N, C-alpha and C. Protein backbone atom coordinates (compact mmCIF):
# COMPACT_ATOMS: atom_id res chain seq x y z
N MET A 1 37.52 -25.62 -67.49
CA MET A 1 37.56 -26.68 -66.50
C MET A 1 36.19 -27.36 -66.47
N LYS A 2 36.16 -28.67 -66.41
CA LYS A 2 34.93 -29.43 -66.40
C LYS A 2 34.09 -29.11 -65.16
N ASN A 3 32.78 -28.98 -65.36
CA ASN A 3 31.84 -28.72 -64.27
C ASN A 3 32.15 -27.45 -63.50
N THR A 4 32.55 -26.40 -64.22
CA THR A 4 32.84 -25.10 -63.63
C THR A 4 32.09 -24.03 -64.40
N LEU A 5 31.52 -23.08 -63.66
CA LEU A 5 30.81 -21.96 -64.27
C LEU A 5 31.36 -20.67 -63.71
N GLY A 6 31.81 -19.77 -64.58
CA GLY A 6 32.29 -18.46 -64.16
C GLY A 6 31.32 -17.37 -64.60
N ILE A 7 31.03 -16.45 -63.71
CA ILE A 7 30.12 -15.35 -64.00
C ILE A 7 30.81 -14.04 -63.63
N SER A 8 30.80 -13.10 -64.54
CA SER A 8 31.36 -11.78 -64.27
C SER A 8 30.24 -10.89 -63.73
N VAL A 9 30.52 -10.22 -62.61
CA VAL A 9 29.53 -9.31 -62.02
C VAL A 9 30.14 -7.93 -61.86
N ASN A 10 29.31 -6.90 -62.01
CA ASN A 10 29.75 -5.52 -61.85
C ASN A 10 29.24 -5.01 -60.51
N ILE A 11 30.14 -4.69 -59.61
CA ILE A 11 29.79 -4.20 -58.28
C ILE A 11 29.71 -2.68 -58.33
N PRO A 12 28.57 -2.08 -57.93
CA PRO A 12 28.37 -0.63 -58.09
C PRO A 12 29.20 0.23 -57.14
N PHE A 13 29.54 -0.28 -55.93
CA PHE A 13 30.35 0.51 -55.00
C PHE A 13 31.05 -0.42 -54.01
N GLU A 14 32.15 0.04 -53.48
CA GLU A 14 32.95 -0.75 -52.54
C GLU A 14 32.18 -0.94 -51.24
N SER A 15 32.14 -2.19 -50.76
CA SER A 15 31.44 -2.50 -49.52
C SER A 15 31.67 -3.97 -49.17
N ASP A 16 31.14 -4.39 -48.03
CA ASP A 16 31.09 -5.80 -47.66
C ASP A 16 29.80 -6.36 -48.24
N TYR A 17 29.89 -7.48 -48.95
CA TYR A 17 28.74 -8.10 -49.60
C TYR A 17 28.51 -9.49 -49.05
N SER A 18 27.26 -9.77 -48.70
CA SER A 18 26.86 -11.10 -48.30
C SER A 18 26.48 -11.86 -49.56
N ILE A 19 27.10 -13.00 -49.80
CA ILE A 19 26.87 -13.78 -51.00
C ILE A 19 25.76 -14.80 -50.72
N SER A 20 24.67 -14.69 -51.49
CA SER A 20 23.53 -15.60 -51.34
C SER A 20 23.15 -16.12 -52.71
N LEU A 21 22.58 -17.32 -52.76
CA LEU A 21 22.11 -17.85 -54.03
C LEU A 21 20.95 -18.79 -53.83
N ILE A 22 20.17 -18.93 -54.91
CA ILE A 22 19.07 -19.90 -54.99
C ILE A 22 19.27 -20.65 -56.29
N GLY A 23 19.04 -21.91 -56.26
CA GLY A 23 19.18 -22.71 -57.48
C GLY A 23 18.32 -23.94 -57.39
N GLY A 24 18.49 -24.81 -58.34
CA GLY A 24 17.72 -26.04 -58.32
C GLY A 24 18.23 -27.03 -59.34
N SER A 25 17.55 -28.16 -59.42
CA SER A 25 17.97 -29.22 -60.32
C SER A 25 16.77 -30.09 -60.64
N SER A 26 16.78 -30.65 -61.85
CA SER A 26 15.73 -31.60 -62.22
C SER A 26 16.29 -33.02 -62.26
N SER A 27 17.53 -33.17 -61.85
CA SER A 27 18.14 -34.50 -61.77
C SER A 27 18.84 -34.61 -60.42
N GLY A 28 19.79 -35.49 -60.30
CA GLY A 28 20.45 -35.73 -59.02
C GLY A 28 21.13 -34.54 -58.41
N GLY A 29 21.69 -33.66 -59.26
CA GLY A 29 22.34 -32.46 -58.75
C GLY A 29 23.76 -32.69 -58.30
N ALA A 30 24.32 -31.72 -57.60
CA ALA A 30 25.71 -31.79 -57.19
C ALA A 30 25.98 -30.81 -56.06
N MET A 31 27.15 -30.96 -55.43
CA MET A 31 27.64 -30.02 -54.44
C MET A 31 28.62 -29.09 -55.16
N TYR A 32 28.43 -27.79 -55.00
CA TYR A 32 29.28 -26.80 -55.64
C TYR A 32 30.01 -25.98 -54.58
N SER A 33 31.26 -25.67 -54.84
CA SER A 33 32.02 -24.71 -54.04
C SER A 33 31.99 -23.39 -54.80
N ILE A 34 31.76 -22.29 -54.07
CA ILE A 34 31.61 -20.97 -54.67
C ILE A 34 32.81 -20.10 -54.28
N PHE A 35 33.37 -19.42 -55.30
CA PHE A 35 34.52 -18.55 -55.10
C PHE A 35 34.21 -17.17 -55.70
N VAL A 36 34.70 -16.12 -55.06
CA VAL A 36 34.62 -14.77 -55.62
C VAL A 36 36.05 -14.26 -55.72
N ASP A 37 36.48 -13.96 -56.94
CA ASP A 37 37.86 -13.53 -57.20
C ASP A 37 38.87 -14.51 -56.58
N GLY A 38 38.56 -15.80 -56.65
CA GLY A 38 39.46 -16.83 -56.15
C GLY A 38 39.36 -17.09 -54.66
N VAL A 39 38.52 -16.34 -53.94
CA VAL A 39 38.36 -16.52 -52.49
C VAL A 39 37.14 -17.39 -52.24
N TYR A 40 37.33 -18.49 -51.52
CA TYR A 40 36.24 -19.41 -51.19
C TYR A 40 35.22 -18.71 -50.27
N VAL A 41 33.93 -18.76 -50.65
CA VAL A 41 32.89 -18.14 -49.83
C VAL A 41 31.87 -19.14 -49.30
N GLY A 42 31.95 -20.40 -49.74
CA GLY A 42 31.04 -21.41 -49.20
C GLY A 42 30.63 -22.45 -50.23
N ASP A 43 29.79 -23.37 -49.77
CA ASP A 43 29.28 -24.45 -50.61
C ASP A 43 27.77 -24.34 -50.76
N HIS A 44 27.27 -24.88 -51.87
CA HIS A 44 25.82 -24.96 -52.08
C HIS A 44 25.49 -26.31 -52.69
N SER A 45 24.50 -26.98 -52.12
CA SER A 45 24.06 -28.27 -52.64
C SER A 45 22.86 -28.06 -53.57
N PHE A 46 23.00 -28.55 -54.80
CA PHE A 46 21.91 -28.54 -55.76
C PHE A 46 21.25 -29.92 -55.81
N TYR A 47 21.38 -30.70 -54.74
CA TYR A 47 20.82 -32.05 -54.70
C TYR A 47 19.30 -32.01 -54.81
N ASN A 48 18.75 -32.89 -55.62
CA ASN A 48 17.31 -32.99 -55.82
C ASN A 48 16.83 -34.36 -55.33
N PRO A 49 16.09 -34.41 -54.24
CA PRO A 49 15.62 -35.70 -53.73
C PRO A 49 14.48 -36.30 -54.56
N ASN A 50 13.87 -35.51 -55.44
CA ASN A 50 12.70 -35.97 -56.19
C ASN A 50 13.03 -36.66 -57.51
N TYR A 51 14.12 -36.31 -58.14
CA TYR A 51 14.60 -36.86 -59.41
C TYR A 51 13.64 -36.68 -60.59
N ASP A 52 12.33 -36.76 -60.37
CA ASP A 52 11.37 -36.75 -61.47
C ASP A 52 10.72 -35.39 -61.70
N SER A 53 11.07 -34.40 -60.89
CA SER A 53 10.51 -33.06 -61.07
C SER A 53 11.56 -32.03 -60.63
N PHE A 54 11.40 -30.79 -61.10
CA PHE A 54 12.36 -29.75 -60.76
C PHE A 54 12.22 -29.39 -59.29
N HIS A 55 13.32 -29.22 -58.62
CA HIS A 55 13.34 -28.91 -57.19
C HIS A 55 14.16 -27.64 -56.96
N TYR A 56 13.54 -26.59 -56.39
CA TYR A 56 14.26 -25.38 -56.02
C TYR A 56 14.79 -25.53 -54.60
N ASP A 57 16.03 -25.08 -54.40
CA ASP A 57 16.63 -25.09 -53.08
C ASP A 57 16.16 -23.86 -52.30
N GLU A 58 16.41 -23.89 -51.00
CA GLU A 58 16.17 -22.73 -50.15
C GLU A 58 17.27 -21.70 -50.41
N LEU A 59 17.01 -20.44 -50.06
CA LEU A 59 18.04 -19.40 -50.15
C LEU A 59 19.20 -19.81 -49.26
N ASN A 60 20.39 -19.79 -49.81
CA ASN A 60 21.59 -20.17 -49.07
C ASN A 60 22.49 -18.95 -48.98
N THR A 61 22.69 -18.44 -47.76
CA THR A 61 23.58 -17.30 -47.55
C THR A 61 24.95 -17.83 -47.17
N LEU A 62 25.94 -17.47 -47.97
CA LEU A 62 27.31 -17.93 -47.75
C LEU A 62 28.06 -16.86 -46.95
N ASN A 63 29.36 -16.83 -47.03
CA ASN A 63 30.16 -15.87 -46.29
C ASN A 63 30.06 -14.46 -46.88
N THR A 64 30.43 -13.49 -46.08
CA THR A 64 30.50 -12.10 -46.51
C THR A 64 31.92 -11.82 -46.99
N ILE A 65 32.03 -11.01 -48.06
CA ILE A 65 33.34 -10.68 -48.62
C ILE A 65 33.37 -9.19 -48.97
N HIS A 66 34.53 -8.58 -48.78
CA HIS A 66 34.70 -7.16 -49.13
C HIS A 66 35.05 -7.06 -50.61
N LEU A 67 34.28 -6.27 -51.35
CA LEU A 67 34.51 -6.10 -52.78
C LEU A 67 34.64 -4.62 -53.12
N THR A 68 35.53 -4.33 -54.04
CA THR A 68 35.70 -2.97 -54.53
C THR A 68 34.75 -2.74 -55.70
N GLU A 69 34.56 -1.49 -56.06
CA GLU A 69 33.74 -1.14 -57.22
C GLU A 69 34.36 -1.73 -58.49
N GLY A 70 33.52 -2.25 -59.38
CA GLY A 70 34.02 -2.77 -60.66
C GLY A 70 33.72 -4.23 -60.88
N GLU A 71 34.42 -4.82 -61.85
CA GLU A 71 34.19 -6.21 -62.27
C GLU A 71 34.83 -7.21 -61.30
N HIS A 72 34.08 -8.28 -61.02
CA HIS A 72 34.57 -9.38 -60.17
C HIS A 72 34.06 -10.68 -60.77
N GLU A 73 34.78 -11.78 -60.50
CA GLU A 73 34.39 -13.08 -61.02
C GLU A 73 33.85 -13.98 -59.92
N VAL A 74 32.65 -14.53 -60.16
CA VAL A 74 32.07 -15.54 -59.29
C VAL A 74 32.26 -16.87 -60.01
N LEU A 75 32.85 -17.83 -59.32
CA LEU A 75 33.13 -19.14 -59.91
C LEU A 75 32.42 -20.22 -59.10
N MET A 76 31.66 -21.05 -59.80
CA MET A 76 30.99 -22.20 -59.18
C MET A 76 31.69 -23.45 -59.70
N ARG A 77 32.21 -24.27 -58.79
CA ARG A 77 32.94 -25.47 -59.18
C ARG A 77 32.31 -26.70 -58.54
N ALA A 78 31.81 -27.61 -59.38
CA ALA A 78 31.23 -28.86 -58.88
C ALA A 78 32.34 -29.71 -58.29
N ARG A 79 32.10 -30.23 -57.09
CA ARG A 79 33.12 -31.07 -56.48
C ARG A 79 32.59 -32.44 -56.09
N LYS A 80 31.27 -32.62 -56.15
CA LYS A 80 30.70 -33.93 -55.86
C LYS A 80 29.37 -34.03 -56.59
N SER A 81 29.22 -35.11 -57.34
CA SER A 81 27.99 -35.31 -58.10
C SER A 81 27.58 -36.76 -58.04
N ILE A 82 26.26 -36.98 -58.01
CA ILE A 82 25.74 -38.34 -58.02
C ILE A 82 25.96 -38.96 -59.40
N TYR A 83 25.86 -38.13 -60.43
CA TYR A 83 26.03 -38.57 -61.80
C TYR A 83 27.33 -38.04 -62.37
N SER A 84 27.67 -38.44 -63.59
CA SER A 84 28.89 -37.94 -64.22
C SER A 84 28.78 -36.46 -64.58
N THR A 85 27.57 -35.96 -64.79
CA THR A 85 27.35 -34.54 -65.07
C THR A 85 26.77 -33.87 -63.84
N ALA A 86 27.41 -32.83 -63.38
CA ALA A 86 26.96 -32.10 -62.19
C ALA A 86 25.96 -31.05 -62.62
N TYR A 87 24.69 -31.41 -62.70
CA TYR A 87 23.67 -30.49 -63.20
C TYR A 87 23.20 -29.56 -62.10
N ALA A 88 23.09 -28.27 -62.42
CA ALA A 88 22.57 -27.27 -61.51
C ALA A 88 22.04 -26.11 -62.33
N GLN A 89 21.00 -25.48 -61.82
CA GLN A 89 20.47 -24.27 -62.47
C GLN A 89 20.48 -23.16 -61.46
N LEU A 90 21.27 -22.13 -61.72
CA LEU A 90 21.37 -20.97 -60.83
C LEU A 90 20.25 -20.01 -61.16
N ASP A 91 19.44 -19.67 -60.17
CA ASP A 91 18.32 -18.78 -60.38
C ASP A 91 18.64 -17.35 -59.95
N THR A 92 19.20 -17.20 -58.76
CA THR A 92 19.48 -15.87 -58.21
C THR A 92 20.82 -15.89 -57.51
N LEU A 93 21.64 -14.88 -57.77
CA LEU A 93 22.92 -14.74 -57.09
C LEU A 93 22.97 -13.36 -56.47
């Protein structure tokens, strides 16, 4: 799917997990919706007001989700972009 990034993560033990991320952009950026195993956990804006230099966002804590031990999929889907390409760089998840 265009402007979608899927990441497989290994969860060490069953628990409630708070989903947080930091990212940035060196261009206009985009708004992303974040899903874990198909469950919506929140949005993150990779918008860069500077355009001419790399801009890191603040830590964004999304919703908490209960996860079992094992593999899970985190999906980032661009839903709004200033440009035709929804550029974002994920630093920490």
